[in-house]
N, C-alpha and C. Protein backbone atom coordinates (compact mmCIF):
# COMPACT_ATOMS: atom_id res chain seq x y z
N MET A 1 23.97 24.57 -31.10
CA MET A 1 23.32 23.83 -32.10
C MET A 1 23.15 22.99 -32.31
N PRO A 2 21.82 22.83 -32.79
CA PRO A 2 21.28 21.30 -33.04
C PRO A 2 21.94 21.40 -34.41
N VAL A 3 22.50 20.35 -34.89
CA VAL A 3 23.35 19.69 -36.34
C VAL A 3 22.73 18.66 -36.65
N LEU A 4 21.62 18.85 -37.81
CA LEU A 4 21.48 17.60 -38.95
C LEU A 4 23.31 17.38 -39.81
N CYS A 5 24.15 16.38 -39.43
CA CYS A 5 24.92 15.70 -40.36
C CYS A 5 24.79 15.19 -41.73
N GLU A 6 25.38 15.13 -42.44
CA GLU A 6 24.43 15.12 -43.53
C GLU A 6 25.58 13.60 -44.41
N ILE A 7 25.35 12.27 -44.78
CA ILE A 7 25.97 11.47 -45.38
C ILE A 7 25.24 11.71 -47.60
N LYS A 8 26.04 11.60 -48.11
CA LYS A 8 25.91 12.17 -48.99
C LYS A 8 26.73 11.83 -50.37
N VAL A 9 26.83 10.71 -51.01
CA VAL A 9 27.72 10.00 -52.17
C VAL A 9 28.42 11.13 -53.35
N ARG A 10 27.30 12.16 -53.34
CA ARG A 10 28.06 13.42 -54.85
C ARG A 10 26.85 13.74 -54.54
N SER A 11 27.58 14.85 -55.47
CA SER A 11 27.01 16.33 -55.48
C SER A 11 26.96 16.53 -56.75
N PRO A 12 25.67 17.35 -57.19
CA PRO A 12 26.24 17.86 -59.32
C PRO A 12 26.98 18.44 -59.35
N LYS A 13 27.29 19.65 -57.81
CA LYS A 13 28.31 21.17 -57.85
C LYS A 13 29.47 20.73 -57.63
N HIS A 14 29.46 19.43 -56.34
CA HIS A 14 31.26 18.95 -55.97
C HIS A 14 32.11 18.06 -56.48
N GLY A 15 30.53 16.88 -57.24
CA GLY A 15 31.48 15.03 -58.24
C GLY A 15 31.19 14.90 -56.58
N ASP A 16 32.38 13.66 -56.34
CA ASP A 16 32.26 12.86 -55.40
C ASP A 16 33.15 13.32 -54.01
N LEU A 17 32.12 12.81 -52.87
CA LEU A 17 32.19 13.26 -51.74
C LEU A 17 32.59 12.46 -50.49
N LEU A 18 32.40 11.02 -51.01
CA LEU A 18 32.50 9.72 -50.03
C LEU A 18 34.48 10.08 -50.30
N ARG A 19 34.60 9.92 -51.58
CA ARG A 19 36.26 10.47 -51.35
C ARG A 19 36.68 8.38 -51.11
N GLY A 20 36.39 7.90 -51.16
CA GLY A 20 37.07 6.82 -50.76
C GLY A 20 36.30 6.02 -49.24
N ARG A 21 35.85 6.85 -48.79
CA ARG A 21 35.60 7.08 -47.55
C ARG A 21 34.54 5.89 -47.29
N ALA A 22 34.61 4.85 -45.83
CA ALA A 22 33.25 3.64 -45.97
C ALA A 22 31.97 4.84 -45.01
N PRO A 23 31.06 5.25 -45.92
CA PRO A 23 29.96 5.66 -44.82
C PRO A 23 29.39 5.14 -44.11
N GLU A 24 29.41 3.74 -43.75
CA GLU A 24 29.15 3.43 -42.53
C GLU A 24 30.66 4.15 -41.33
N MET A 25 32.30 4.23 -41.48
CA MET A 25 33.02 4.80 -40.86
C MET A 25 32.52 6.43 -40.90
N LEU A 26 31.82 6.96 -41.78
CA LEU A 26 31.45 8.33 -41.81
C LEU A 26 30.30 8.98 -40.89
N ALA A 27 29.46 7.53 -40.90
CA ALA A 27 28.46 7.82 -39.79
C ALA A 27 29.10 7.77 -38.12
N GLN A 28 29.61 6.55 -37.83
CA GLN A 28 30.24 6.91 -36.99
C GLN A 28 31.18 7.76 -36.35
N THR A 29 31.91 8.47 -37.32
CA THR A 29 32.57 9.69 -37.30
C THR A 29 31.62 10.48 -36.50
N MET A 30 30.81 11.62 -37.09
CA MET A 30 29.95 12.11 -37.14
C MET A 30 29.23 12.06 -36.12
N ALA A 31 28.23 10.31 -35.42
CA ALA A 31 27.38 10.28 -34.58
C ALA A 31 28.38 10.06 -32.88
N SER A 32 29.48 10.21 -32.78
CA SER A 32 30.29 10.81 -32.13
C SER A 32 30.55 12.18 -31.71
N CYS A 33 29.80 12.77 -32.15
CA CYS A 33 30.05 14.10 -32.26
C CYS A 33 28.31 14.70 -31.51
N PRO A 34 28.05 15.42 -30.91
CA PRO A 34 26.63 15.28 -30.16
C PRO A 34 25.18 16.22 -30.80
N ILE A 35 25.60 15.41 -32.13
CA ILE A 35 24.44 15.93 -33.57
C ILE A 35 22.89 15.46 -33.71
N ALA A 36 21.95 16.07 -33.95
CA ALA A 36 20.41 16.38 -33.42
C ALA A 36 20.27 14.96 -34.62
N GLY A 37 21.05 14.17 -35.87
CA GLY A 37 20.66 13.31 -36.49
C GLY A 37 21.40 13.22 -37.89
N LEU A 38 20.70 12.46 -38.12
CA LEU A 38 21.67 11.52 -40.07
C LEU A 38 21.01 12.45 -40.49
N SER A 39 21.48 13.09 -41.15
CA SER A 39 20.39 12.59 -42.68
C SER A 39 21.65 11.62 -43.94
N VAL A 40 20.83 11.07 -44.86
CA VAL A 40 21.50 10.21 -46.03
C VAL A 40 20.55 10.45 -46.86
N VAL A 41 21.22 10.49 -47.58
CA VAL A 41 20.80 10.87 -49.21
C VAL A 41 20.41 9.90 -50.01
N THR A 42 19.65 9.17 -50.32
CA THR A 42 19.24 7.98 -51.06
C THR A 42 18.30 8.28 -52.47
N GLU A 43 18.98 9.40 -52.88
CA GLU A 43 18.47 9.24 -54.03
C GLU A 43 19.35 9.37 -55.04
N PRO A 44 19.22 8.25 -55.89
CA PRO A 44 20.65 7.23 -57.11
C PRO A 44 20.96 8.80 -57.99
N HIS A 45 19.99 8.91 -59.26
CA HIS A 45 20.36 9.47 -59.88
C HIS A 45 21.60 10.77 -60.53
N ASP A 46 21.51 11.76 -59.14
CA ASP A 46 22.03 13.02 -59.12
C ASP A 46 23.16 13.27 -58.02
N PHE A 47 22.75 11.65 -56.97
CA PHE A 47 23.40 12.23 -55.76
C PHE A 47 24.10 11.03 -55.22
N GLY A 48 23.44 9.81 -56.20
CA GLY A 48 24.99 8.50 -55.89
C GLY A 48 24.37 7.72 -54.65
N GLY A 49 22.87 8.12 -54.29
CA GLY A 49 22.41 7.55 -53.33
C GLY A 49 21.64 6.48 -53.33
N ASP A 50 21.45 5.28 -52.07
CA ASP A 50 20.24 3.81 -52.31
C ASP A 50 19.84 3.92 -50.66
N LEU A 51 18.63 3.33 -50.83
CA LEU A 51 18.36 3.10 -49.66
C LEU A 51 18.63 1.80 -48.80
N GLU A 52 19.96 1.67 -49.07
CA GLU A 52 21.00 0.18 -48.73
C GLU A 52 22.04 1.08 -47.18
N LEU A 53 22.09 2.65 -48.24
CA LEU A 53 23.20 3.27 -47.15
C LEU A 53 22.32 3.21 -45.68
N ILE A 54 21.11 3.43 -45.67
CA ILE A 54 20.50 4.21 -44.46
C ILE A 54 20.43 2.28 -43.50
N ARG A 55 20.22 1.54 -44.32
CA ARG A 55 20.57 0.08 -43.27
C ARG A 55 21.19 -0.20 -42.98
N ARG A 56 22.69 -0.39 -43.34
CA ARG A 56 24.17 0.06 -43.22
C ARG A 56 24.89 1.10 -42.35
N VAL A 57 24.75 1.34 -41.90
CA VAL A 57 24.35 2.61 -40.89
C VAL A 57 23.03 3.00 -39.78
N ARG A 58 22.23 2.64 -39.86
CA ARG A 58 21.35 1.94 -38.58
C ARG A 58 21.72 1.48 -37.80
N PRO A 59 22.63 0.69 -38.04
CA PRO A 59 22.80 -0.73 -37.10
C PRO A 59 23.53 0.00 -35.91
N LEU A 60 24.77 1.08 -36.63
CA LEU A 60 25.95 2.07 -36.26
C LEU A 60 25.69 2.63 -35.30
N VAL A 61 24.97 3.44 -35.44
CA VAL A 61 24.21 4.95 -34.97
C VAL A 61 23.05 4.69 -34.17
N SER A 62 23.25 5.78 -33.43
CA SER A 62 21.49 5.32 -31.85
C SER A 62 20.90 6.92 -32.07
N VAL A 63 21.27 8.20 -33.15
CA VAL A 63 20.66 8.73 -33.37
C VAL A 63 19.95 8.77 -34.47
N PRO A 64 18.82 9.68 -34.43
CA PRO A 64 17.62 9.67 -35.29
C PRO A 64 18.26 9.69 -36.74
N ILE A 65 17.40 8.99 -37.76
CA ILE A 65 18.04 8.85 -39.34
C ILE A 65 16.94 9.78 -39.90
N LEU A 66 16.98 10.68 -41.19
CA LEU A 66 16.51 11.44 -41.66
C LEU A 66 16.41 10.67 -43.29
N ARG A 67 15.89 10.09 -43.97
CA ARG A 67 15.49 9.59 -44.91
C ARG A 67 15.80 11.43 -46.33
N LYS A 68 16.20 11.57 -47.23
CA LYS A 68 16.36 12.63 -47.66
C LYS A 68 16.40 11.95 -49.39
N ASP A 69 14.90 12.21 -49.56
CA ASP A 69 14.85 11.69 -51.45
C ASP A 69 13.95 12.46 -51.62
N PHE A 70 13.43 12.44 -52.63
CA PHE A 70 11.85 12.61 -53.74
C PHE A 70 11.23 11.66 -53.62
N ILE A 71 10.42 11.51 -52.20
CA ILE A 71 9.35 10.65 -52.28
C ILE A 71 8.49 11.51 -52.95
N GLU A 72 7.67 9.95 -53.84
CA GLU A 72 6.36 10.44 -54.01
C GLU A 72 5.15 9.75 -54.23
N THR A 73 5.28 8.39 -52.98
CA THR A 73 4.08 7.86 -52.47
C THR A 73 4.68 6.94 -51.71
N GLU A 74 2.96 6.55 -51.00
CA GLU A 74 3.02 5.46 -49.75
C GLU A 74 3.63 4.34 -49.62
N HIS A 75 4.34 3.53 -50.58
CA HIS A 75 4.80 2.46 -50.98
C HIS A 75 6.93 2.94 -50.22
N ASP A 76 7.03 4.72 -50.27
CA ASP A 76 8.14 5.05 -50.42
C ASP A 76 8.16 5.24 -48.97
N LEU A 77 7.40 5.55 -47.97
CA LEU A 77 7.25 5.58 -46.70
C LEU A 77 7.28 4.49 -46.10
N ASP A 78 6.64 3.01 -46.83
CA ASP A 78 7.23 2.19 -45.92
C ASP A 78 8.73 1.97 -46.39
N GLU A 79 8.93 1.46 -47.36
CA GLU A 79 10.69 1.57 -47.14
C GLU A 79 11.02 1.93 -46.35
N THR A 80 11.36 3.06 -46.58
CA THR A 80 11.47 4.15 -45.81
C THR A 80 11.91 4.20 -43.93
N ARG A 81 10.36 3.42 -43.95
CA ARG A 81 10.58 3.03 -42.17
C ARG A 81 10.67 1.44 -42.59
N SER A 82 10.78 0.98 -42.93
CA SER A 82 11.42 -0.60 -42.70
C SER A 82 13.18 -0.57 -42.64
N ALA A 83 14.05 0.56 -43.17
CA ALA A 83 15.38 0.06 -43.55
C ALA A 83 15.52 1.04 -42.36
N GLY A 84 14.92 2.30 -41.59
CA GLY A 84 15.19 2.05 -40.45
C GLY A 84 15.40 3.21 -39.97
N ALA A 85 14.76 4.36 -40.93
CA ALA A 85 14.94 5.66 -41.01
C ALA A 85 13.78 6.29 -39.70
N ASN A 86 14.14 7.52 -39.31
CA ASN A 86 12.83 7.85 -38.23
C ASN A 86 12.00 8.67 -38.92
N ALA A 87 13.02 9.39 -40.12
CA ALA A 87 12.04 10.75 -40.36
C ALA A 87 12.21 10.69 -42.14
N VAL A 88 10.95 11.87 -42.88
CA VAL A 88 11.13 11.81 -44.09
C VAL A 88 11.17 13.08 -44.86
N LEU A 89 11.71 13.16 -46.00
CA LEU A 89 11.41 14.46 -46.17
C LEU A 89 10.41 14.96 -47.76
N LEU A 90 9.82 15.64 -47.67
CA LEU A 90 8.90 16.13 -48.22
C LEU A 90 8.95 16.79 -49.30
N THR A 91 9.79 17.07 -50.37
CA THR A 91 9.84 18.43 -51.03
C THR A 91 8.09 19.63 -51.91
N ALA A 92 8.42 20.33 -51.05
CA ALA A 92 7.22 20.87 -51.24
C ALA A 92 7.12 21.34 -52.78
N CYS A 93 7.71 21.41 -53.26
CA CYS A 93 7.81 22.38 -55.11
C CYS A 93 7.32 20.91 -55.55
N MET A 94 8.27 19.35 -55.43
CA MET A 94 7.57 18.68 -55.96
C MET A 94 6.73 17.38 -55.82
N LEU A 95 5.39 18.07 -55.41
CA LEU A 95 4.29 17.69 -55.12
C LEU A 95 3.53 18.77 -54.92
N ASP A 96 1.82 18.03 -55.91
CA ASP A 96 0.99 18.81 -55.87
C ASP A 96 0.07 18.52 -54.38
N ASP A 97 -0.61 19.92 -54.09
CA ASP A 97 -1.41 19.69 -52.28
C ASP A 97 -2.36 18.85 -52.48
N SER A 98 -2.84 17.52 -52.88
CA SER A 98 -3.13 16.68 -51.98
C SER A 98 -2.60 15.52 -51.74
N LEU A 99 -1.34 15.53 -52.84
CA LEU A 99 -0.24 14.48 -52.81
C LEU A 99 0.62 14.83 -51.51
N LEU A 100 1.09 16.48 -51.27
CA LEU A 100 1.37 16.54 -49.97
C LEU A 100 0.92 16.12 -48.31
N ARG A 101 -0.72 16.73 -49.25
CA ARG A 101 -1.01 16.46 -47.53
C ARG A 101 -1.35 14.83 -47.63
N ARG A 102 -1.93 14.12 -48.54
CA ARG A 102 -1.95 13.40 -48.28
C ARG A 102 -0.27 12.23 -47.34
N LEU A 103 0.39 12.56 -48.39
CA LEU A 103 2.09 12.27 -47.16
C LEU A 103 2.38 12.42 -46.31
N HIS A 104 2.51 13.51 -46.40
CA HIS A 104 2.71 14.17 -44.66
C HIS A 104 1.19 13.38 -43.70
N THR A 105 0.45 13.14 -43.80
CA THR A 105 -0.35 12.63 -42.85
C THR A 105 -0.05 11.23 -42.50
N ALA A 106 0.61 10.09 -44.16
CA ALA A 106 0.75 9.23 -44.55
C ALA A 106 1.97 8.50 -43.47
N ALA A 107 2.83 9.65 -43.40
CA ALA A 107 4.07 9.20 -42.99
C ALA A 107 3.51 9.40 -41.17
N GLN A 108 3.15 10.64 -41.07
CA GLN A 108 2.59 10.51 -39.39
C GLN A 108 2.16 9.25 -38.40
N ALA A 109 0.86 9.03 -39.45
CA ALA A 109 0.97 7.93 -39.12
C ALA A 109 1.58 6.52 -38.80
N ARG A 110 3.01 6.14 -40.05
CA ARG A 110 3.70 5.08 -40.43
C ARG A 110 4.22 5.70 -38.35
N GLY A 111 4.67 6.74 -37.78
CA GLY A 111 5.64 6.51 -36.93
C GLY A 111 6.45 7.31 -37.82
N LEU A 112 6.52 8.38 -38.95
CA LEU A 112 7.68 9.34 -39.33
C LEU A 112 7.83 10.48 -38.69
N GLU A 113 8.79 11.26 -38.80
CA GLU A 113 8.88 12.66 -38.25
C GLU A 113 8.88 12.76 -40.26
N THR A 114 8.50 13.99 -40.01
CA THR A 114 8.12 14.64 -41.42
C THR A 114 9.09 16.38 -41.42
N LEU A 115 9.74 15.98 -42.84
CA LEU A 115 10.49 17.61 -43.08
C LEU A 115 9.87 17.54 -44.06
N VAL A 116 9.07 18.88 -44.21
CA VAL A 116 8.32 19.56 -45.44
C VAL A 116 9.60 20.44 -45.42
N GLU A 117 9.92 20.49 -47.19
CA GLU A 117 10.99 21.37 -47.82
C GLU A 117 10.28 22.35 -48.54
N VAL A 118 10.81 23.76 -48.19
CA VAL A 118 10.20 24.85 -49.37
C VAL A 118 11.72 25.44 -49.11
N HIS A 119 11.21 26.68 -50.64
CA HIS A 119 12.57 27.78 -51.01
C HIS A 119 12.12 29.14 -51.27
N SER A 120 10.69 28.93 -51.55
CA SER A 120 10.31 30.62 -51.49
C SER A 120 9.50 30.91 -50.44
N ASP A 121 8.55 32.54 -50.20
CA ASP A 121 7.90 32.74 -49.79
C ASP A 121 6.50 32.15 -49.83
N GLY A 122 6.14 31.89 -50.87
CA GLY A 122 5.32 31.43 -52.00
C GLY A 122 4.83 29.84 -51.39
N GLU A 123 5.88 29.00 -51.19
CA GLU A 123 5.86 27.48 -50.53
C GLU A 123 6.00 28.02 -48.95
N VAL A 124 6.00 28.43 -48.31
CA VAL A 124 5.83 29.02 -47.03
C VAL A 124 4.50 29.15 -46.84
N ARG A 125 4.17 29.59 -47.35
CA ARG A 125 2.05 30.58 -47.37
C ARG A 125 1.95 29.13 -47.91
N ARG A 126 1.99 28.49 -48.41
CA ARG A 126 1.44 27.55 -49.21
C ARG A 126 1.17 25.98 -48.34
N VAL A 127 2.52 25.45 -47.34
CA VAL A 127 1.78 24.72 -46.58
C VAL A 127 1.67 25.47 -45.55
N GLU A 128 1.26 26.57 -45.05
CA GLU A 128 0.44 27.11 -43.66
C GLU A 128 -1.04 26.95 -44.23
N ALA A 129 -1.02 27.21 -45.78
CA ALA A 129 -2.26 26.64 -46.46
C ALA A 129 -3.35 25.79 -46.39
N LEU A 130 -2.74 24.87 -46.65
CA LEU A 130 -2.89 23.37 -46.26
C LEU A 130 -3.20 22.65 -44.83
N GLY A 131 -2.83 23.34 -43.68
CA GLY A 131 -3.74 23.04 -43.31
C GLY A 131 -2.32 22.01 -42.14
N ILE A 132 -1.22 22.44 -42.89
CA ILE A 132 -0.05 20.49 -42.51
C ILE A 132 0.65 20.89 -41.61
N ALA A 133 1.33 20.30 -40.51
CA ALA A 133 1.84 20.63 -39.35
C ALA A 133 3.30 19.68 -39.14
N PRO A 134 3.62 20.20 -40.42
CA PRO A 134 5.28 19.17 -40.32
C PRO A 134 5.78 19.33 -38.98
N ASP A 135 6.78 18.03 -38.53
CA ASP A 135 7.57 18.30 -37.70
C ASP A 135 8.64 19.51 -37.56
N ILE A 136 9.04 19.29 -38.46
CA ILE A 136 9.89 20.60 -38.52
C ILE A 136 9.90 21.24 -40.58
N LEU A 137 9.83 22.31 -40.56
CA LEU A 137 9.41 22.71 -41.72
C LEU A 137 11.34 23.14 -42.05
N GLY A 138 11.78 23.19 -43.25
CA GLY A 138 13.08 23.04 -43.73
C GLY A 138 12.86 24.20 -45.14
N ILE A 139 14.13 25.20 -44.88
CA ILE A 139 14.22 26.27 -45.59
C ILE A 139 16.17 25.82 -46.17
N ASN A 140 15.52 24.90 -47.65
CA ASN A 140 16.51 25.01 -48.39
C ASN A 140 16.93 26.25 -48.94
N ASN A 141 18.66 26.83 -48.97
CA ASN A 141 19.26 28.02 -49.24
C ASN A 141 19.12 28.02 -50.37
N ARG A 142 19.22 26.48 -51.30
CA ARG A 142 19.86 26.14 -52.68
C ARG A 142 18.44 26.13 -53.26
N ASP A 143 18.81 25.90 -54.59
CA ASP A 143 16.87 25.55 -55.43
C ASP A 143 16.92 23.91 -55.93
N ILE A 144 16.58 23.43 -55.38
CA ILE A 144 16.84 21.30 -55.47
C ILE A 144 16.24 21.50 -56.57
N LEU A 145 15.60 22.31 -57.14
CA LEU A 145 15.15 22.24 -58.85
C LEU A 145 15.91 22.28 -60.45
N VAL A 146 17.32 22.81 -59.48
CA VAL A 146 19.01 23.02 -60.38
C VAL A 146 19.28 22.45 -59.78
N ARG A 147 19.42 21.35 -58.92
CA ARG A 147 20.01 19.77 -58.01
C ARG A 147 20.95 20.30 -56.82
N GLU A 148 20.72 21.74 -57.07
CA GLU A 148 21.53 22.64 -55.90
C GLU A 148 23.24 23.23 -56.40
N THR A 149 22.43 23.62 -56.99
CA THR A 149 23.97 24.24 -58.49
C THR A 149 24.14 25.32 -58.27
N ASP A 150 22.95 25.94 -57.77
CA ASP A 150 22.90 27.83 -57.56
C ASP A 150 23.83 28.26 -56.15
N ASP A 151 23.50 29.54 -56.61
CA ASP A 151 24.62 29.94 -55.11
C ASP A 151 23.87 30.81 -53.87
N GLY A 152 23.04 30.08 -54.06
CA GLY A 152 21.98 30.42 -52.95
C GLY A 152 22.74 30.48 -51.63
N ASP A 153 22.38 31.48 -50.18
CA ASP A 153 23.20 31.31 -49.50
C ASP A 153 22.23 31.60 -48.08
N VAL A 154 22.51 31.46 -47.10
CA VAL A 154 21.40 31.50 -46.29
C VAL A 154 20.74 32.76 -45.73
N SER A 155 21.12 33.43 -46.69
CA SER A 155 20.02 35.02 -46.80
C SER A 155 18.98 34.36 -46.52
N LEU A 156 18.24 33.24 -47.45
CA LEU A 156 17.40 32.82 -47.61
C LEU A 156 16.47 32.39 -46.24
N THR A 157 17.01 31.80 -45.60
CA THR A 157 17.42 31.64 -43.99
C THR A 157 16.41 32.94 -43.51
N GLU A 158 17.49 33.71 -43.59
CA GLU A 158 17.27 34.74 -42.99
C GLU A 158 16.12 35.84 -43.55
N ARG A 159 15.62 35.83 -44.60
CA ARG A 159 14.44 36.46 -45.21
C ARG A 159 13.06 35.50 -44.68
N LEU A 160 13.29 34.08 -45.11
CA LEU A 160 11.97 33.36 -44.60
C LEU A 160 11.54 32.76 -43.54
N ALA A 161 12.37 32.64 -42.18
CA ALA A 161 12.69 32.48 -40.74
C ALA A 161 11.54 32.70 -40.16
N PRO A 162 12.20 34.42 -40.49
CA PRO A 162 10.60 35.30 -39.64
C PRO A 162 9.49 35.49 -39.90
N ALA A 163 9.02 35.43 -41.16
CA ALA A 163 7.90 35.08 -41.09
C ALA A 163 6.51 33.68 -41.03
N VAL A 164 7.55 32.63 -41.04
CA VAL A 164 7.39 31.38 -41.01
C VAL A 164 5.56 30.83 -39.66
N LYS A 165 4.59 31.27 -39.53
CA LYS A 165 3.36 31.41 -38.46
C LYS A 165 3.54 29.80 -37.84
N ILE A 166 3.77 29.07 -38.81
CA ILE A 166 3.03 27.64 -37.98
C ILE A 166 4.62 26.97 -36.49
N GLY A 167 3.95 26.22 -36.01
CA GLY A 167 4.43 26.72 -35.18
C GLY A 167 5.76 25.41 -35.15
N SER A 168 6.40 24.58 -36.56
CA SER A 168 7.22 23.96 -36.93
C SER A 168 8.51 24.35 -36.56
N LEU A 169 8.86 23.21 -35.98
CA LEU A 169 10.84 23.44 -35.42
C LEU A 169 11.77 24.10 -37.11
N ILE A 170 12.13 25.03 -37.65
CA ILE A 170 12.93 25.23 -38.68
C ILE A 170 14.02 24.98 -39.10
N LEU A 171 14.17 24.12 -39.81
CA LEU A 171 15.29 23.83 -40.45
C LEU A 171 16.28 24.23 -41.60
N SER A 172 17.84 25.45 -41.40
CA SER A 172 17.94 26.15 -42.42
C SER A 172 19.11 24.94 -42.96
N GLU A 173 18.85 24.58 -44.02
CA GLU A 173 19.63 23.91 -44.91
C GLU A 173 20.47 24.49 -45.97
N SER A 174 21.65 23.22 -46.27
CA SER A 174 22.54 23.61 -47.65
C SER A 174 22.88 25.00 -46.97
N SER A 175 24.45 25.73 -48.41
CA SER A 175 24.77 26.62 -47.95
C SER A 175 25.18 26.96 -46.79
N ILE A 176 25.21 25.60 -45.51
CA ILE A 176 25.69 26.45 -44.32
C ILE A 176 27.58 26.23 -44.19
N SER A 177 28.28 26.89 -44.76
CA SER A 177 30.05 27.23 -44.90
C SER A 177 30.81 27.09 -43.66
N GLY A 178 30.26 27.18 -42.48
CA GLY A 178 30.71 27.44 -41.40
C GLY A 178 30.11 28.02 -40.55
N ARG A 179 30.72 28.78 -39.67
CA ARG A 179 30.58 29.68 -38.07
C ARG A 179 28.88 29.87 -37.87
N ALA A 180 29.69 31.07 -39.53
CA ALA A 180 29.24 32.04 -39.37
C ALA A 180 28.15 32.30 -39.82
N ASP A 181 27.88 31.26 -40.65
CA ASP A 181 26.77 31.12 -41.84
C ASP A 181 25.23 29.81 -40.38
N ALA A 182 25.78 29.35 -39.74
CA ALA A 182 25.05 28.61 -38.76
C ALA A 182 24.31 29.66 -37.27
N ALA A 183 25.63 30.96 -37.35
CA ALA A 183 25.14 31.67 -36.60
C ALA A 183 23.75 32.77 -37.03
N ARG A 184 24.84 32.84 -38.51
CA ARG A 184 23.24 33.65 -39.14
C ARG A 184 22.06 32.55 -39.11
N ALA A 185 21.76 31.80 -39.58
CA ALA A 185 20.61 31.17 -39.76
C ALA A 185 20.01 30.97 -38.41
N GLN A 186 20.68 31.13 -37.18
CA GLN A 186 19.87 30.73 -35.30
C GLN A 186 19.82 32.00 -35.73
N ALA A 187 20.30 32.97 -35.50
CA ALA A 187 20.11 34.66 -35.13
C ALA A 187 18.31 34.79 -36.58
N ALA A 188 17.90 34.32 -37.42
CA ALA A 188 17.42 34.66 -38.35
C ALA A 188 16.20 33.85 -37.71
N GLY A 189 16.07 33.16 -36.78
CA GLY A 189 14.91 31.79 -36.12
C GLY A 189 14.75 30.62 -36.58
N ALA A 190 16.09 29.97 -37.12
CA ALA A 190 16.58 28.77 -37.29
C ALA A 190 16.19 28.25 -35.59
N ASP A 191 16.08 26.74 -35.68
CA ASP A 191 16.38 26.14 -34.79
C ASP A 191 17.11 24.94 -34.86
N ALA A 192 17.93 24.47 -35.51
CA ALA A 192 18.28 23.56 -36.27
C ALA A 192 19.44 23.87 -37.47
N VAL A 193 20.48 23.55 -37.85
CA VAL A 193 20.59 23.37 -39.32
C VAL A 193 21.16 21.83 -40.17
N LEU A 194 21.18 21.95 -40.83
CA LEU A 194 21.35 20.38 -41.74
C LEU A 194 22.56 21.51 -43.17
N VAL A 195 23.93 20.14 -42.42
CA VAL A 195 25.26 20.41 -43.02
C VAL A 195 25.53 19.13 -43.76
N GLY A 196 25.97 19.19 -44.58
CA GLY A 196 26.36 17.96 -45.76
C GLY A 196 27.40 18.24 -46.29
N THR A 197 27.46 18.99 -47.97
CA THR A 197 28.78 18.92 -48.37
C THR A 197 30.16 19.61 -47.85
N THR A 198 29.88 20.74 -46.96
CA THR A 198 30.76 21.64 -45.93
C THR A 198 31.31 20.75 -44.60
N ILE A 199 31.24 19.77 -44.22
CA ILE A 199 31.09 18.60 -42.98
C ILE A 199 31.98 17.82 -44.17
N LEU A 200 31.63 17.62 -45.19
CA LEU A 200 32.19 16.17 -46.12
C LEU A 200 33.34 16.60 -45.87
N LEU A 201 33.93 17.60 -46.53
CA LEU A 201 35.09 18.35 -47.36
C LEU A 201 35.74 18.75 -46.86
N ALA A 202 35.53 18.89 -45.46
CA ALA A 202 36.62 19.60 -44.01
C ALA A 202 38.16 19.24 -44.40
N PRO A 203 38.76 19.35 -44.13
CA PRO A 203 39.95 18.67 -43.61
C PRO A 203 39.98 17.34 -42.30
N ASP A 204 39.31 18.31 -41.41
CA ASP A 204 38.50 17.18 -40.26
C ASP A 204 38.11 17.04 -39.43
N LEU A 205 37.21 16.39 -39.67
CA LEU A 205 35.67 16.04 -39.86
C LEU A 205 34.85 16.13 -38.67
N PRO A 206 35.20 15.80 -37.03
CA PRO A 206 34.93 15.82 -35.93
C PRO A 206 35.35 17.66 -35.89
N ARG A 207 36.55 17.85 -35.84
CA ARG A 207 36.93 19.38 -35.33
C ARG A 207 35.37 20.09 -36.22
N ALA A 208 34.85 20.62 -38.02
CA ALA A 208 34.57 21.11 -38.45
C ALA A 208 32.81 21.13 -38.26
N LEU A 209 32.65 19.76 -37.17
CA LEU A 209 31.21 19.86 -36.83
C LEU A 209 31.86 20.34 -35.73
N ARG A 210 31.95 20.53 -34.43
CA ARG A 210 31.97 20.57 -33.32
C ARG A 210 32.20 22.40 -33.23
N ALA A 211 33.06 22.50 -34.06
CA ALA A 211 32.86 24.21 -34.60
C ALA A 211 31.35 24.59 -34.75
N LEU A 212 29.87 23.90 -35.31
CA LEU A 212 29.01 24.68 -35.89
C LEU A 212 28.24 24.29 -34.29
N ILE A 213 28.66 23.52 -33.79
CA ILE A 213 27.21 21.96 -32.93
C ILE A 213 27.91 23.53 -31.73
N TYR A 214 29.35 23.64 -31.07
CA TYR A 214 29.09 24.36 -30.03
C TYR A 214 29.37 26.24 -30.51
N ILE A 215 28.51 26.53 -31.14
CA ILE A 215 28.56 27.93 -31.91
C ILE A 215 28.84 29.33 -30.86
N ASP A 216 27.92 28.54 -29.44
CA ASP A 216 28.69 29.60 -29.00
C ASP A 216 29.55 29.88 -27.93
N ARG A 217 30.62 29.39 -28.05
CA ARG A 217 31.91 29.30 -27.61
C ARG A 217 32.67 29.74 -28.65
N PRO A 218 33.67 30.56 -28.15
CA PRO A 218 35.16 30.94 -28.46
C PRO A 218 35.61 30.29 -29.25
């Protein structure tokens, strides 16, 4: 199972997630497993991140890096590329139609892959109606408008993924608490999962990560 593993300083729901560990060490440990990519949360106010996190880990790992933040301007895209990220998150509910389309086009013109994130049937239909083809369509199982403090679960991926008509890869994000959730997302049509808090809170990070990656093994 392709897994994007996430470095996140803190979350509104679980508090401190680094727990004294250096992001550099975490990135190297995660990349020692066969992950598909590394997500780095740079949003400062609710998640404690900053762009410097990407600059710090970029020289240490060879996997693609996704910048996870609330991108609003083309300047944000320039900063993202300059920091060394390979992909950028565009959150559908945070952007009107014109801005979502413009940022998607501008990101791809800069060589950045796009992860367009949705949380409802309406948002899936909206992305399809706009005619954009994101590299990845992310289904966030939790509601970013309440900073993912809700109790959403992988059932949202199970409901939305089968109805997606665009040809993008489908990424199930958040609420992947272990092997069973990843298997459910995969069975529903997700091509990959993004896992942050579960891995960061695991007592044995590599073991927890490998349990998701090798999902088809006993």
